[in-house]
Amino acid sequence: MGWMDEAMNDLRPWIGRTRITEDDLGVMAVRRAAATFNLDPESFSKGSELPPHWFSFVGVETVRQGDLGPDGHAKKGIVLPPIPMPRRMGAGRRVEIKGRLRAGEPAVKKAEVVDIVPKSGRSGDIFVLTMRHSYEQAGKLLVVDEHDAIYRPAVPPGQKTTATVPRAARADQVWTERTELSNALNFRYSSLTWNAHRIHYDADYTRSEEGYPALVSNGGLSMHLMVEAALKHAEGALTGYTARLVHPLWIGDFIEVRGEEQKDGQLRIWSADKNGVLCGEMELSFA
């Protein structure tokens, strides 16, 4: 941990830093999001309420091409802290929804570095970055999204990435929703979130540099599809959720979202891949 403690000398001043991004929530951008998820684009106009989980498309960073690193993310220290590990993957998420964003009206996203934690264990050295994104419109705080990203070392040439040991997903669900994770869907979602991470579209890079066997489906897309599935089977207004991704999904496969019956405003769901491996878990609250 010595070198990680030394790295924290440079990283610690980042904790508490806030970056503000303004967005006009343009109607055409909203309609593109609607089309991506098979909704009628023309059903959205200026002032329309957006689905509660669409905040991920708001205030995305517009990083210049020359500021991208070799993996497609912004170079270290431009948007996020310069954590000295090359591979970044999303992990947990905690969301509080206080109101609905509206199309065609100005909004502000505040991105705060909440914490940076070095860890060392059986899987090696990692850093865990926690960010808090707050979304405001018309002076009101509408959404707080706190999420974790895990930074890992590079994969030695010719080796596969260390993957989480797979475990079977529960099979006692009362409903399921299945979606194909096609190249087109991943491309459109990455476009909506301005995500140029090469593991989602560059197969050669994904295999040779990051050690994955295939293109990796976007984790944000998995969470989006899980919430969408839950909304089809829940009653009331979504007020928040916690989520955790535990195993990657590959482009060309499918995600199967499974769920329990809603009880006392709470709904527990999980997702599985084509082999029945658990990929994600989520608990949602409704009022």
Protein backbone atom coordinates (compact mmCIF):
# COMPACT_ATOMS: atom_id res chain seq x y z
CA MET A 1 0.00 0.00 0.00
CA GLY A 2 3.05 2.30 0.25
CA TRP A 3 2.88 3.54 -3.31
CA MET A 4 -0.88 3.99 -3.04
CA ASP A 5 -0.49 6.10 0.10
CA GLU A 6 2.02 8.23 -1.79
CA ALA A 7 -0.42 8.59 -4.70
CA MET A 8 -3.06 9.81 -2.25
CA ASN A 9 -0.91 12.87 -1.53
CA ASP A 10 -1.78 14.08 -5.04
CA LEU A 11 -5.33 12.71 -5.06
CA ARG A 12 -6.55 13.90 -1.66
CA PRO A 13 -6.86 17.58 -2.71
CA TRP A 14 -9.40 16.47 -5.34
CA ILE A 15 -11.86 15.35 -2.65
CA GLY A 16 -14.60 17.95 -2.40
CA ARG A 17 -13.95 19.52 -5.80
CA THR A 18 -17.09 20.38 -7.77
CA ARG A 19 -17.52 20.74 -11.53
CA ILE A 20 -20.66 22.39 -12.96
CA THR A 21 -22.16 21.61 -16.37
CA GLU A 22 -25.12 23.43 -17.89
CA ASP A 23 -27.61 21.74 -20.23
CA ASP A 24 -30.62 23.02 -22.16
CA LEU A 25 -32.25 19.54 -22.37
CA GLY A 26 -32.93 20.17 -26.03
CA VAL A 27 -36.11 18.60 -27.37
CA MET A 28 -34.29 16.88 -30.25
CA ALA A 29 -31.81 15.30 -27.81
CA VAL A 30 -34.74 14.07 -25.70
CA ARG A 31 -36.44 12.66 -28.79
CA ARG A 32 -33.26 10.75 -29.71
CA ALA A 33 -33.26 9.21 -26.25
CA ALA A 34 -36.92 8.27 -26.68
CA ALA A 35 -36.23 6.61 -30.03
CA THR A 36 -33.34 4.65 -28.53
CA PHE A 37 -35.70 3.03 -26.05
CA ASN A 38 -38.63 2.48 -28.43
CA LEU A 39 -40.76 5.38 -27.24
CA ASP A 40 -42.55 7.74 -29.62
CA PRO A 41 -40.16 10.68 -30.15
CA GLU A 42 -43.05 13.00 -31.04
CA SER A 43 -44.63 12.41 -27.63
CA PHE A 44 -41.95 14.69 -26.11
CA SER A 45 -42.06 18.45 -26.54
CA LYS A 46 -40.87 21.50 -24.61
CA GLY A 47 -41.97 21.14 -20.99
CA SER A 48 -42.62 17.39 -21.14
CA GLU A 49 -41.67 15.48 -18.00
CA LEU A 50 -38.87 13.00 -18.60
CA PRO A 51 -38.90 9.43 -17.25
CA PRO A 52 -37.37 9.51 -13.75
CA HIS A 53 -34.17 7.63 -14.69
CA TRP A 54 -33.21 9.80 -17.68
CA PHE A 55 -30.99 12.11 -15.63
CA SER A 56 -27.98 10.12 -16.92
CA PHE A 57 -28.35 11.91 -20.27
CA VAL A 58 -28.19 15.39 -18.69
CA GLY A 59 -25.05 17.49 -18.36
CA VAL A 60 -22.71 14.95 -19.94
CA GLU A 61 -19.12 16.15 -20.29
CA THR A 62 -18.25 17.41 -23.78
CA VAL A 63 -14.53 16.58 -23.70
CA ARG A 64 -12.50 17.70 -26.71
CA GLN A 65 -11.10 14.95 -28.94
CA GLY A 66 -7.54 15.98 -28.14
CA ASP A 67 -8.23 15.50 -24.43
CA LEU A 68 -9.16 11.82 -24.74
CA GLY A 69 -6.79 9.17 -23.42
CA PRO A 70 -5.90 5.87 -25.12
CA ASP A 71 -8.95 4.13 -23.63
CA GLY A 72 -11.42 6.74 -24.92
CA HIS A 73 -12.02 8.35 -21.53
CA ALA A 74 -10.92 11.91 -20.81
CA LYS A 75 -7.25 12.10 -19.89
CA LYS A 76 -6.57 11.92 -16.18
CA GLY A 77 -6.98 15.20 -14.33
CA ILE A 78 -9.24 16.87 -16.89
CA VAL A 79 -12.63 15.74 -15.59
CA LEU A 80 -11.82 13.13 -12.96
CA PRO A 81 -8.91 12.81 -10.49
CA PRO A 82 -5.61 11.49 -11.95
CA ILE A 83 -5.89 8.06 -10.34
CA PRO A 84 -2.74 6.16 -11.44
CA MET A 85 -4.49 3.04 -12.75
CA PRO A 86 -5.61 2.70 -16.38
CA ARG A 87 -8.81 0.62 -16.20
CA ARG A 88 -12.07 2.10 -14.87
CA MET A 89 -15.39 0.30 -14.45
CA GLY A 90 -18.65 1.35 -12.79
CA ALA A 91 -19.80 -0.49 -9.68
CA GLY A 92 -22.42 0.67 -7.15
CA ARG A 93 -25.01 3.43 -7.33
CA ARG A 94 -27.32 5.23 -4.88
CA VAL A 95 -29.99 7.48 -6.37
CA GLU A 96 -32.53 9.81 -4.76
CA ILE A 97 -35.28 11.23 -6.99
CA LYS A 98 -37.11 14.31 -5.68
CA GLY A 99 -38.80 15.44 -8.88
CA ARG A 100 -38.88 15.11 -12.65
CA LEU A 101 -36.72 16.93 -15.17
CA ARG A 102 -38.49 18.62 -18.08
CA ALA A 103 -37.50 18.77 -21.75
CA GLY A 104 -36.39 22.06 -23.27
CA GLU A 105 -35.71 23.81 -19.97
CA PRO A 106 -32.25 24.77 -18.61
CA ALA A 107 -30.70 22.42 -16.05
CA VAL A 108 -27.48 22.23 -14.09
CA LYS A 109 -25.41 19.20 -13.10
CA LYS A 110 -22.98 19.51 -10.21
CA ALA A 111 -20.33 16.77 -10.10
CA GLU A 112 -18.53 16.45 -6.77
CA VAL A 113 -15.61 14.17 -5.87
CA VAL A 114 -16.89 12.61 -2.63
CA ASP A 115 -14.04 10.22 -1.82
CA ILE A 116 -11.05 8.31 -3.18
CA VAL A 117 -10.15 5.12 -1.31
CA PRO A 118 -7.12 2.89 -1.99
CA LYS A 119 -7.68 -0.80 -1.28
CA SER A 120 -5.55 -3.94 -1.45
CA GLY A 121 -6.92 -7.47 -1.31
CA ARG A 122 -7.06 -10.86 -2.97
CA SER A 123 -7.72 -9.33 -6.39
CA GLY A 124 -4.81 -6.89 -6.04
CA ASP A 125 -4.57 -3.14 -5.60
CA ILE A 126 -7.50 -0.92 -6.60
CA PHE A 127 -8.79 2.60 -6.06
CA VAL A 128 -12.48 3.30 -5.47
CA LEU A 129 -13.70 6.71 -6.62
CA THR A 130 -17.07 7.96 -5.33
CA MET A 131 -18.78 10.78 -7.23
CA ARG A 132 -21.99 12.65 -6.43
CA HIS A 133 -23.98 14.17 -9.32
CA SER A 134 -26.73 16.60 -8.36
CA TYR A 135 -29.27 17.75 -10.96
CA GLU A 136 -31.15 21.03 -10.61
CA GLN A 137 -33.77 22.74 -12.72
CA ALA A 138 -35.58 26.03 -12.05
CA GLY A 139 -33.57 26.32 -8.82
CA LYS A 140 -34.84 23.01 -7.45
CA LEU A 141 -32.75 19.95 -6.61
CA LEU A 142 -34.41 17.07 -8.46
CA VAL A 143 -31.96 14.15 -8.46
CA VAL A 144 -28.91 13.10 -6.43
CA ASP A 145 -26.88 10.29 -7.99
CA GLU A 146 -23.94 8.94 -5.97
CA HIS A 147 -21.93 6.24 -7.67
CA ASP A 148 -18.66 4.33 -7.38
CA ALA A 149 -16.04 3.50 -9.99
CA ILE A 150 -13.26 0.96 -9.51
CA TYR A 151 -9.81 1.60 -10.97
CA ARG A 152 -7.61 -1.44 -11.69
CA PRO A 153 -4.07 -2.03 -12.99
CA ALA A 154 -3.38 -2.83 -16.63
CA VAL A 155 -3.70 -6.42 -17.78
CA PRO A 156 -0.31 -7.97 -18.69
CA PRO A 157 -0.02 -8.60 -22.46
CA GLY A 158 -1.63 -11.86 -23.50
CA GLN A 159 -3.49 -12.37 -20.24
CA LYS A 160 -7.20 -12.22 -19.50
CA THR A 161 -8.67 -9.78 -17.03
CA THR A 162 -9.40 -10.98 -13.51
CA ALA A 163 -13.15 -11.43 -13.45
CA THR A 164 -15.54 -11.77 -10.55
CA VAL A 165 -16.29 -15.40 -9.79
CA PRO A 166 -19.70 -16.00 -11.41
CA ARG A 167 -22.64 -17.13 -9.31
CA ALA A 168 -26.07 -18.18 -10.37
CA ALA A 169 -28.88 -15.64 -10.33
CA ARG A 170 -31.98 -16.41 -8.33
CA ALA A 171 -34.66 -18.23 -10.30
CA ASP A 172 -37.65 -17.55 -8.03
CA GLN A 173 -38.74 -14.38 -9.86
CA VAL A 174 -42.41 -13.59 -10.51
CA TRP A 175 -41.70 -11.67 -13.73
CA THR A 176 -38.93 -11.23 -16.31
CA GLU A 177 -38.02 -8.73 -19.03
CA ARG A 178 -35.39 -9.61 -21.66
CA THR A 179 -33.51 -7.19 -23.95
CA GLU A 180 -30.92 -7.95 -26.63
CA LEU A 181 -27.69 -6.04 -26.05
CA SER A 182 -27.04 -5.25 -29.69
CA ASN A 183 -24.20 -3.18 -31.10
CA ALA A 184 -26.72 -0.58 -32.24
CA LEU A 185 -28.29 -0.19 -28.79
CA ASN A 186 -24.91 0.10 -27.10
CA PHE A 187 -23.77 2.63 -29.70
CA ARG A 188 -26.88 4.75 -29.22
CA TYR A 189 -26.67 4.63 -25.43
CA SER A 190 -22.98 5.53 -25.47
CA SER A 191 -23.82 8.42 -27.81
CA LEU A 192 -26.51 9.71 -25.48
CA THR A 193 -24.04 9.67 -22.58
CA TRP A 194 -21.08 10.77 -24.76
CA ASN A 195 -19.15 7.70 -23.59
CA ALA A 196 -16.19 6.86 -25.86
CA HIS A 197 -14.74 4.06 -23.71
CA ARG A 198 -13.25 1.69 -26.29
CA ILE A 199 -14.32 -1.52 -24.52
CA HIS A 200 -17.82 -0.84 -25.88
CA TYR A 201 -16.93 -0.71 -29.60
CA ASP A 202 -13.28 -1.62 -30.29
CA ALA A 203 -12.98 -5.41 -30.10
CA ASP A 204 -9.23 -5.56 -30.77
CA TYR A 205 -8.49 -3.06 -28.01
CA THR A 206 -10.90 -4.79 -25.63
CA ARG A 207 -9.17 -8.15 -26.02
CA SER A 208 -5.54 -7.06 -26.30
CA GLU A 209 -5.41 -4.14 -23.85
CA GLU A 210 -8.08 -4.89 -21.25
CA GLY A 211 -8.19 -8.68 -21.45
CA TYR A 212 -11.92 -9.15 -22.01
CA PRO A 213 -13.13 -11.94 -24.31
CA ALA A 214 -15.62 -9.72 -26.16
CA LEU A 215 -17.01 -6.20 -26.36
CA VAL A 216 -18.36 -5.14 -22.98
CA SER A 217 -21.94 -3.93 -22.78
CA ASN A 218 -22.28 -0.52 -21.13
CA GLY A 219 -22.93 -0.84 -17.39
CA GLY A 220 -25.00 2.32 -17.41
CA LEU A 221 -27.21 0.73 -20.05
CA SER A 222 -27.70 -2.32 -17.82
CA MET A 223 -28.88 -0.12 -14.96
CA HIS A 224 -31.15 1.86 -17.31
CA LEU A 225 -32.78 -1.32 -18.62
CA MET A 226 -33.21 -2.67 -15.09
CA VAL A 227 -35.07 0.47 -14.01
CA GLU A 228 -37.20 0.38 -17.16
CA ALA A 229 -38.17 -3.22 -16.44
CA ALA A 230 -39.06 -2.34 -12.85
CA LEU A 231 -41.28 0.57 -13.95
CA LYS A 232 -43.35 -1.84 -16.04
CA HIS A 233 -44.20 -3.90 -12.96
CA ALA A 234 -44.36 -1.29 -10.18
CA GLU A 235 -46.99 1.07 -8.84
CA GLY A 236 -46.39 4.64 -7.70
CA ALA A 237 -43.68 7.19 -8.43
CA LEU A 238 -40.03 6.15 -8.33
CA THR A 239 -38.24 7.96 -5.48
CA GLY A 240 -34.85 6.28 -5.58
CA TYR A 241 -32.83 3.12 -5.89
CA THR A 242 -29.58 1.43 -5.01
CA ALA A 243 -27.76 -0.68 -7.58
CA ARG A 244 -24.72 -2.91 -7.81
CA LEU A 245 -23.12 -4.49 -10.86
CA VAL A 246 -21.36 -7.78 -10.15
CA HIS A 247 -20.52 -9.36 -13.52
CA PRO A 248 -20.00 -8.00 -17.05
CA LEU A 249 -22.39 -8.50 -19.94
CA TRP A 250 -21.21 -8.85 -23.52
CA ILE A 251 -22.51 -7.10 -26.61
CA GLY A 252 -24.46 -9.57 -28.71
CA ASP A 253 -25.90 -11.37 -25.67
CA PHE A 254 -29.02 -10.35 -23.74
CA ILE A 255 -29.86 -9.08 -20.29
CA GLU A 256 -32.74 -10.72 -18.45
CA VAL A 257 -34.19 -8.63 -15.64
CA ARG A 258 -36.00 -10.61 -12.97
CA GLY A 259 -38.12 -9.26 -10.15
CA GLU A 260 -40.19 -9.92 -7.07
CA GLU A 261 -43.64 -8.52 -6.30
CA GLN A 262 -43.61 -4.95 -5.03
CA LYS A 263 -44.16 -4.80 -1.26
CA ASP A 264 -44.63 -1.75 0.97
CA GLY A 265 -43.30 0.55 -1.74
CA GLN A 266 -40.14 -1.52 -2.24
CA LEU A 267 -39.18 -3.61 -5.24
CA ARG A 268 -36.19 -5.93 -5.47
CA ILE A 269 -34.89 -6.89 -8.92
CA TRP A 270 -31.80 -8.54 -10.37
CA SER A 271 -30.35 -9.32 -13.79
CA ALA A 272 -28.87 -12.41 -15.40
CA ASP A 273 -26.97 -13.19 -18.59
CA LYS A 274 -27.72 -15.96 -21.10
CA ASN A 275 -26.05 -18.50 -18.81
CA GLY A 276 -28.09 -17.51 -15.77
CA VAL A 277 -25.13 -15.75 -14.12
CA LEU A 278 -26.02 -12.90 -11.75
CA CYS A 279 -24.95 -9.58 -13.31
CA GLY A 280 -26.64 -6.89 -11.24
CA GLU A 281 -28.90 -6.24 -8.27
CA MET A 282 -31.19 -3.32 -7.51
CA GLU A 283 -33.61 -2.18 -4.82
CA LEU A 284 -36.12 0.50 -5.81
CA SER A 285 -38.41 2.68 -3.71
CA PHE A 286 -41.82 4.01 -4.78
CA ALA A 287 -44.27 6.45 -3.22
